Amino acid sequence: MLKTYQGSCHCGAVKFEADLDLSQNSYRCNCSICRRTRFWPAVARDGGVRVLAGEAELTQYLFNTGKGQHYFCKHCGVRPFGIGTDTPIGKMYGVNLGCLTEVTDEQLSRIPITCVDGLADRWQQAPAFHSHL
């Protein structure tokens, strides 16, 4: 069921809300940026994320094809969300579940996780090794 959640970066400079269904799959990816930042996103549809404060405190990082827009807080370095523009559902947001401020550890433990092989550009399958993700 879709619900609006509040979130922030670590230092609180960036605050946002996101419309998410936490009974749906979240994702763990082995691509170079997700592996290094331990990014754990849930998917929000286009328009499903609203920055409430600190938009000017976000910095964008693009790499490789430039299709994934990665946003980080300029102060604490936390990545609250990213935007995918070339996905099967069109424009979407990957919302960092660790940034949601009102979700308990128990609730997080129940969110289903799908591992994807972004490193090899095989988004429909898990990498051979993924328990570390």
N, C-alpha and C. Protein backbone atom coordinates (compact mmCIF):
# COMPACT_ATOMS: atom_id res chain seq x y z
N MET A 1 0.84 -1.17 0.00
CA MET A 1 0.00 0.00 0.00
C MET A 1 0.89 1.25 0.00
N LEU A 2 0.59 2.18 -0.87
CA LEU A 2 1.34 3.42 -0.99
C LEU A 2 1.12 4.29 0.24
N LYS A 3 2.23 4.79 0.79
CA LYS A 3 2.19 5.64 1.96
C LYS A 3 3.26 6.72 1.81
N THR A 4 3.03 7.88 2.38
CA THR A 4 4.02 8.95 2.33
C THR A 4 4.91 8.87 3.56
N TYR A 5 6.23 8.81 3.31
CA TYR A 5 7.23 8.72 4.36
C TYR A 5 8.09 9.97 4.36
N GLN A 6 8.57 10.36 5.53
CA GLN A 6 9.48 11.49 5.68
C GLN A 6 10.91 10.96 5.70
N GLY A 7 11.83 11.77 5.17
CA GLY A 7 13.23 11.37 5.17
C GLY A 7 14.15 12.57 5.22
N SER A 8 15.42 12.29 5.49
CA SER A 8 16.42 13.35 5.50
C SER A 8 17.80 12.74 5.30
N CYS A 9 18.75 13.62 4.99
CA CYS A 9 20.15 13.22 4.99
C CYS A 9 20.59 13.10 6.46
N HIS A 10 21.83 12.77 6.71
CA HIS A 10 22.30 12.58 8.08
C HIS A 10 22.31 13.87 8.89
N CYS A 11 22.77 14.97 8.28
CA CYS A 11 22.88 16.24 9.03
C CYS A 11 21.56 17.01 9.09
N GLY A 12 20.56 16.59 8.32
CA GLY A 12 19.26 17.25 8.34
C GLY A 12 19.13 18.45 7.41
N ALA A 13 20.19 18.74 6.63
CA ALA A 13 20.11 19.87 5.70
C ALA A 13 19.10 19.62 4.59
N VAL A 14 18.95 18.34 4.20
CA VAL A 14 18.01 17.96 3.14
C VAL A 14 16.88 17.16 3.77
N LYS A 15 15.66 17.61 3.54
CA LYS A 15 14.47 16.90 4.02
C LYS A 15 13.57 16.65 2.82
N PHE A 16 12.95 15.47 2.81
CA PHE A 16 12.09 15.11 1.68
C PHE A 16 10.96 14.22 2.16
N GLU A 17 9.99 14.03 1.29
CA GLU A 17 8.96 13.03 1.53
C GLU A 17 8.84 12.19 0.27
N ALA A 18 8.47 10.93 0.45
CA ALA A 18 8.38 10.00 -0.67
C ALA A 18 7.16 9.11 -0.51
N ASP A 19 6.49 8.87 -1.62
CA ASP A 19 5.35 7.96 -1.67
C ASP A 19 5.88 6.58 -2.05
N LEU A 20 5.85 5.66 -1.09
CA LEU A 20 6.44 4.33 -1.28
C LEU A 20 5.48 3.24 -0.82
N ASP A 21 5.62 2.08 -1.42
CA ASP A 21 4.94 0.87 -0.96
C ASP A 21 6.03 -0.07 -0.46
N LEU A 22 6.23 -0.12 0.85
CA LEU A 22 7.32 -0.92 1.41
C LEU A 22 7.03 -2.41 1.45
N SER A 23 5.88 -2.83 0.92
CA SER A 23 5.65 -4.26 0.75
C SER A 23 6.19 -4.73 -0.61
N GLN A 24 6.56 -3.79 -1.45
CA GLN A 24 7.14 -4.09 -2.76
C GLN A 24 8.66 -4.24 -2.63
N ASN A 25 9.27 -4.82 -3.66
CA ASN A 25 10.71 -5.05 -3.63
C ASN A 25 11.52 -3.77 -3.51
N SER A 26 12.56 -3.86 -2.72
CA SER A 26 13.62 -2.87 -2.71
C SER A 26 14.78 -3.53 -3.46
N TYR A 27 15.88 -2.80 -3.62
CA TYR A 27 16.95 -3.32 -4.46
C TYR A 27 18.32 -3.15 -3.82
N ARG A 28 19.17 -4.14 -4.08
CA ARG A 28 20.59 -4.05 -3.74
C ARG A 28 21.32 -4.34 -5.04
N CYS A 29 22.27 -3.48 -5.35
CA CYS A 29 22.95 -3.54 -6.64
C CYS A 29 24.45 -3.61 -6.42
N ASN A 30 25.14 -4.29 -7.33
CA ASN A 30 26.59 -4.42 -7.23
C ASN A 30 27.33 -3.47 -8.16
N CYS A 31 26.65 -2.49 -8.77
CA CYS A 31 27.36 -1.55 -9.63
C CYS A 31 28.35 -0.75 -8.79
N SER A 32 29.25 -0.06 -9.45
CA SER A 32 30.35 0.59 -8.73
C SER A 32 29.88 1.62 -7.71
N ILE A 33 28.85 2.40 -8.01
CA ILE A 33 28.44 3.43 -7.04
C ILE A 33 27.58 2.84 -5.91
N CYS A 34 26.67 1.95 -6.24
CA CYS A 34 25.83 1.35 -5.18
C CYS A 34 26.67 0.52 -4.22
N ARG A 35 27.64 -0.21 -4.75
CA ARG A 35 28.49 -1.02 -3.88
C ARG A 35 29.30 -0.13 -2.93
N ARG A 36 29.84 0.94 -3.45
CA ARG A 36 30.68 1.81 -2.62
C ARG A 36 29.86 2.61 -1.60
N THR A 37 28.66 2.99 -1.94
CA THR A 37 27.86 3.79 -1.01
C THR A 37 26.85 2.96 -0.22
N ARG A 38 26.76 1.67 -0.51
CA ARG A 38 25.81 0.77 0.18
C ARG A 38 24.38 1.27 0.04
N PHE A 39 24.07 1.78 -1.14
CA PHE A 39 22.76 2.35 -1.43
C PHE A 39 21.70 1.25 -1.44
N TRP A 40 20.59 1.45 -0.72
CA TRP A 40 19.49 0.48 -0.63
C TRP A 40 18.19 1.20 -0.97
N PRO A 41 17.78 1.18 -2.24
CA PRO A 41 16.61 1.96 -2.63
C PRO A 41 15.30 1.19 -2.69
N ALA A 42 14.24 1.93 -2.43
CA ALA A 42 12.88 1.53 -2.77
C ALA A 42 12.47 2.45 -3.91
N VAL A 43 11.54 2.00 -4.73
CA VAL A 43 11.16 2.74 -5.93
C VAL A 43 9.95 3.62 -5.68
N ALA A 44 10.10 4.88 -6.09
CA ALA A 44 8.98 5.83 -6.12
C ALA A 44 8.77 6.24 -7.58
N ARG A 45 7.53 6.33 -7.98
CA ARG A 45 7.20 6.74 -9.36
C ARG A 45 7.48 8.22 -9.56
N ASP A 46 7.47 8.64 -10.80
CA ASP A 46 7.66 10.05 -11.15
C ASP A 46 6.69 10.90 -10.34
N GLY A 47 7.17 11.92 -9.71
CA GLY A 47 6.34 12.78 -8.86
C GLY A 47 6.20 12.27 -7.44
N GLY A 48 6.78 11.10 -7.14
CA GLY A 48 6.62 10.48 -5.84
C GLY A 48 7.64 10.91 -4.80
N VAL A 49 8.52 11.84 -5.14
CA VAL A 49 9.48 12.38 -4.18
C VAL A 49 9.40 13.90 -4.24
N ARG A 50 9.33 14.50 -3.07
CA ARG A 50 9.27 15.96 -2.98
C ARG A 50 10.31 16.44 -1.97
N VAL A 51 11.21 17.31 -2.41
CA VAL A 51 12.20 17.89 -1.51
C VAL A 51 11.50 19.01 -0.73
N LEU A 52 11.50 18.89 0.58
CA LEU A 52 10.81 19.84 1.46
C LEU A 52 11.74 20.95 1.93
N ALA A 53 13.02 20.65 2.04
CA ALA A 53 14.01 21.64 2.49
C ALA A 53 15.38 21.21 2.01
N GLY A 54 16.21 22.19 1.69
CA GLY A 54 17.60 21.92 1.38
C GLY A 54 17.90 21.51 -0.05
N GLU A 55 17.03 21.82 -0.98
CA GLU A 55 17.32 21.43 -2.37
C GLU A 55 18.66 22.00 -2.84
N ALA A 56 18.99 23.21 -2.42
CA ALA A 56 20.27 23.82 -2.80
C ALA A 56 21.46 23.14 -2.13
N GLU A 57 21.21 22.30 -1.13
CA GLU A 57 22.28 21.58 -0.43
C GLU A 57 22.60 20.25 -1.10
N LEU A 58 21.86 19.90 -2.14
CA LEU A 58 22.12 18.66 -2.88
C LEU A 58 23.10 18.93 -4.01
N THR A 59 23.96 17.98 -4.23
CA THR A 59 24.84 18.03 -5.39
C THR A 59 24.59 16.77 -6.21
N GLN A 60 24.70 16.90 -7.51
CA GLN A 60 24.42 15.79 -8.42
C GLN A 60 25.72 15.20 -8.94
N TYR A 61 25.73 13.88 -9.03
CA TYR A 61 26.86 13.18 -9.61
C TYR A 61 26.35 12.32 -10.75
N LEU A 62 26.94 12.49 -11.92
CA LEU A 62 26.63 11.67 -13.09
C LEU A 62 27.89 10.92 -13.49
N PHE A 63 27.73 9.68 -13.92
CA PHE A 63 28.87 8.94 -14.44
C PHE A 63 28.39 8.00 -15.53
N ASN A 64 29.33 7.41 -16.24
CA ASN A 64 29.06 6.43 -17.28
C ASN A 64 28.08 7.00 -18.31
N THR A 65 26.87 6.46 -18.39
CA THR A 65 25.92 6.89 -19.42
C THR A 65 25.21 8.20 -19.05
N GLY A 66 25.28 8.60 -17.79
CA GLY A 66 24.59 9.81 -17.35
C GLY A 66 23.10 9.63 -17.19
N LYS A 67 22.61 8.42 -17.32
CA LYS A 67 21.16 8.16 -17.21
C LYS A 67 20.69 8.12 -15.76
N GLY A 68 21.60 7.81 -14.86
CA GLY A 68 21.27 7.80 -13.43
C GLY A 68 21.76 9.07 -12.78
N GLN A 69 20.87 9.80 -12.16
CA GLN A 69 21.23 11.04 -11.48
C GLN A 69 21.33 10.74 -9.99
N HIS A 70 22.53 10.87 -9.46
CA HIS A 70 22.79 10.54 -8.06
C HIS A 70 22.92 11.84 -7.27
N TYR A 71 22.12 11.98 -6.22
CA TYR A 71 22.12 13.21 -5.43
C TYR A 71 22.68 12.94 -4.04
N PHE A 72 23.58 13.84 -3.60
CA PHE A 72 24.23 13.74 -2.31
C PHE A 72 24.10 15.06 -1.58
N CYS A 73 24.02 15.01 -0.26
CA CYS A 73 24.07 16.23 0.54
C CYS A 73 25.50 16.77 0.50
N LYS A 74 25.65 18.06 0.24
CA LYS A 74 26.96 18.70 0.17
C LYS A 74 27.69 18.71 1.51
N HIS A 75 26.94 18.56 2.59
CA HIS A 75 27.54 18.68 3.93
C HIS A 75 27.93 17.33 4.52
N CYS A 76 26.99 16.39 4.55
CA CYS A 76 27.28 15.11 5.20
C CYS A 76 27.59 13.99 4.22
N GLY A 77 27.34 14.20 2.93
CA GLY A 77 27.68 13.20 1.93
C GLY A 77 26.66 12.10 1.74
N VAL A 78 25.57 12.13 2.49
CA VAL A 78 24.57 11.07 2.39
C VAL A 78 23.77 11.22 1.10
N ARG A 79 23.47 10.09 0.50
CA ARG A 79 22.71 10.02 -0.76
C ARG A 79 21.26 9.68 -0.45
N PRO A 80 20.37 10.68 -0.35
CA PRO A 80 18.98 10.39 0.01
C PRO A 80 18.17 9.74 -1.10
N PHE A 81 18.49 10.06 -2.35
CA PHE A 81 17.76 9.47 -3.47
C PHE A 81 18.54 9.67 -4.76
N GLY A 82 18.11 8.96 -5.77
CA GLY A 82 18.63 9.13 -7.12
C GLY A 82 17.45 9.08 -8.07
N ILE A 83 17.70 9.49 -9.30
CA ILE A 83 16.65 9.48 -10.31
C ILE A 83 17.13 8.66 -11.50
N GLY A 84 16.30 7.70 -11.90
CA GLY A 84 16.56 6.92 -13.11
C GLY A 84 15.65 7.40 -14.22
N THR A 85 16.23 7.64 -15.38
CA THR A 85 15.43 8.15 -16.49
C THR A 85 15.22 7.14 -17.60
N ASP A 86 15.99 6.07 -17.59
CA ASP A 86 15.91 5.05 -18.63
C ASP A 86 15.59 3.71 -17.99
N THR A 87 14.35 3.59 -17.50
CA THR A 87 13.94 2.37 -16.79
C THR A 87 12.68 1.81 -17.45
N PRO A 88 12.35 0.56 -17.15
CA PRO A 88 11.12 -0.01 -17.73
C PRO A 88 9.84 0.74 -17.33
N ILE A 89 9.88 1.49 -16.22
CA ILE A 89 8.68 2.24 -15.81
C ILE A 89 8.82 3.73 -16.11
N GLY A 90 9.82 4.10 -16.88
CA GLY A 90 10.06 5.51 -17.17
C GLY A 90 10.83 6.16 -16.04
N LYS A 91 10.64 7.45 -15.87
CA LYS A 91 11.35 8.16 -14.81
C LYS A 91 10.91 7.62 -13.45
N MET A 92 11.90 7.34 -12.60
CA MET A 92 11.61 6.84 -11.26
C MET A 92 12.66 7.34 -10.31
N TYR A 93 12.32 7.28 -9.03
CA TYR A 93 13.24 7.67 -7.96
C TYR A 93 13.64 6.43 -7.19
N GLY A 94 14.92 6.32 -6.88
CA GLY A 94 15.40 5.31 -5.95
C GLY A 94 15.61 6.02 -4.62
N VAL A 95 14.76 5.72 -3.65
CA VAL A 95 14.80 6.40 -2.35
C VAL A 95 15.59 5.54 -1.37
N ASN A 96 16.61 6.13 -0.77
CA ASN A 96 17.46 5.41 0.17
C ASN A 96 16.68 5.08 1.43
N LEU A 97 16.41 3.81 1.65
CA LEU A 97 15.60 3.39 2.80
C LEU A 97 16.24 3.78 4.13
N GLY A 98 17.56 3.87 4.18
CA GLY A 98 18.24 4.27 5.40
C GLY A 98 18.00 5.73 5.77
N CYS A 99 17.46 6.51 4.84
CA CYS A 99 17.19 7.93 5.09
C CYS A 99 15.77 8.19 5.59
N LEU A 100 14.92 7.17 5.61
CA LEU A 100 13.55 7.37 6.09
C LEU A 100 13.58 7.51 7.60
N THR A 101 13.02 8.58 8.11
CA THR A 101 13.16 8.91 9.53
C THR A 101 12.15 8.23 10.44
N GLU A 102 11.08 7.71 9.89
CA GLU A 102 10.03 7.15 10.76
C GLU A 102 9.81 5.65 10.55
N VAL A 103 10.76 4.99 9.92
CA VAL A 103 10.65 3.55 9.69
C VAL A 103 11.56 2.84 10.69
N THR A 104 10.99 1.90 11.42
CA THR A 104 11.75 1.20 12.46
C THR A 104 12.63 0.10 11.86
N ASP A 105 13.58 -0.38 12.65
CA ASP A 105 14.42 -1.50 12.22
C ASP A 105 13.56 -2.71 11.91
N GLU A 106 12.53 -2.94 12.71
CA GLU A 106 11.63 -4.08 12.46
C GLU A 106 10.96 -3.94 11.10
N GLN A 107 10.46 -2.75 10.78
CA GLN A 107 9.83 -2.53 9.48
C GLN A 107 10.84 -2.71 8.34
N LEU A 108 12.05 -2.18 8.52
CA LEU A 108 13.07 -2.35 7.49
C LEU A 108 13.39 -3.82 7.25
N SER A 109 13.40 -4.62 8.31
CA SER A 109 13.75 -6.04 8.19
C SER A 109 12.72 -6.82 7.38
N ARG A 110 11.52 -6.28 7.21
CA ARG A 110 10.46 -6.98 6.48
C ARG A 110 10.37 -6.57 5.00
N ILE A 111 11.14 -5.60 4.58
CA ILE A 111 11.07 -5.14 3.19
C ILE A 111 11.77 -6.15 2.29
N PRO A 112 11.07 -6.66 1.28
CA PRO A 112 11.71 -7.63 0.38
C PRO A 112 12.84 -6.97 -0.42
N ILE A 113 13.91 -7.74 -0.65
CA ILE A 113 15.07 -7.24 -1.36
C ILE A 113 15.33 -8.10 -2.60
N THR A 114 15.53 -7.43 -3.72
CA THR A 114 15.94 -8.08 -4.97
C THR A 114 17.35 -7.59 -5.28
N CYS A 115 18.27 -8.52 -5.48
CA CYS A 115 19.63 -8.16 -5.86
C CYS A 115 19.73 -8.13 -7.38
N VAL A 116 20.38 -7.09 -7.90
CA VAL A 116 20.52 -6.94 -9.35
C VAL A 116 22.00 -6.79 -9.71
N ASP A 117 22.34 -7.28 -10.90
CA ASP A 117 23.71 -7.27 -11.39
C ASP A 117 23.96 -6.04 -12.27
N GLY A 118 23.98 -4.87 -11.62
CA GLY A 118 24.22 -3.63 -12.34
C GLY A 118 25.64 -3.54 -12.87
N LEU A 119 26.59 -4.19 -12.22
CA LEU A 119 27.98 -4.16 -12.65
C LEU A 119 28.12 -4.72 -14.07
N ALA A 120 27.36 -5.77 -14.37
CA ALA A 120 27.40 -6.40 -15.69
C ALA A 120 26.24 -5.94 -16.58
N ASP A 121 25.51 -4.92 -16.13
CA ASP A 121 24.36 -4.39 -16.88
C ASP A 121 23.30 -5.46 -17.15
N ARG A 122 23.12 -6.34 -16.15
CA ARG A 122 22.09 -7.39 -16.23
C ARG A 122 21.10 -7.11 -15.10
N TRP A 123 20.20 -6.18 -15.34
CA TRP A 123 19.31 -5.66 -14.31
C TRP A 123 18.18 -6.62 -13.94
N GLN A 124 17.99 -7.66 -14.72
CA GLN A 124 16.91 -8.61 -14.46
C GLN A 124 17.37 -9.84 -13.71
N GLN A 125 18.64 -9.89 -13.30
CA GLN A 125 19.12 -11.06 -12.57
C GLN A 125 20.09 -10.65 -11.46
N ALA A 126 20.20 -11.55 -10.52
CA ALA A 126 21.12 -11.32 -9.40
C ALA A 126 22.54 -11.65 -9.83
N PRO A 127 23.52 -10.97 -9.24
CA PRO A 127 24.90 -11.36 -9.51
C PRO A 127 25.19 -12.72 -8.88
N ALA A 128 26.24 -13.36 -9.33
CA ALA A 128 26.58 -14.68 -8.81
C ALA A 128 26.80 -14.64 -7.29
N PHE A 129 27.39 -13.57 -6.80
CA PHE A 129 27.62 -13.41 -5.35
C PHE A 129 26.94 -12.13 -4.91
N HIS A 130 26.07 -12.24 -3.91
CA HIS A 130 25.31 -11.04 -3.51
C HIS A 130 24.97 -10.97 -2.03
N SER A 131 25.37 -11.93 -1.25
CA SER A 131 25.02 -11.87 0.18
C SER A 131 25.66 -10.67 0.88
N HIS A 132 26.76 -10.17 0.35
CA HIS A 132 27.44 -9.01 0.92
C HIS A 132 26.76 -7.69 0.59
N LEU A 133 25.84 -7.70 -0.35
CA LEU A 133 25.16 -6.46 -0.74
C LEU A 133 24.13 -6.09 0.30
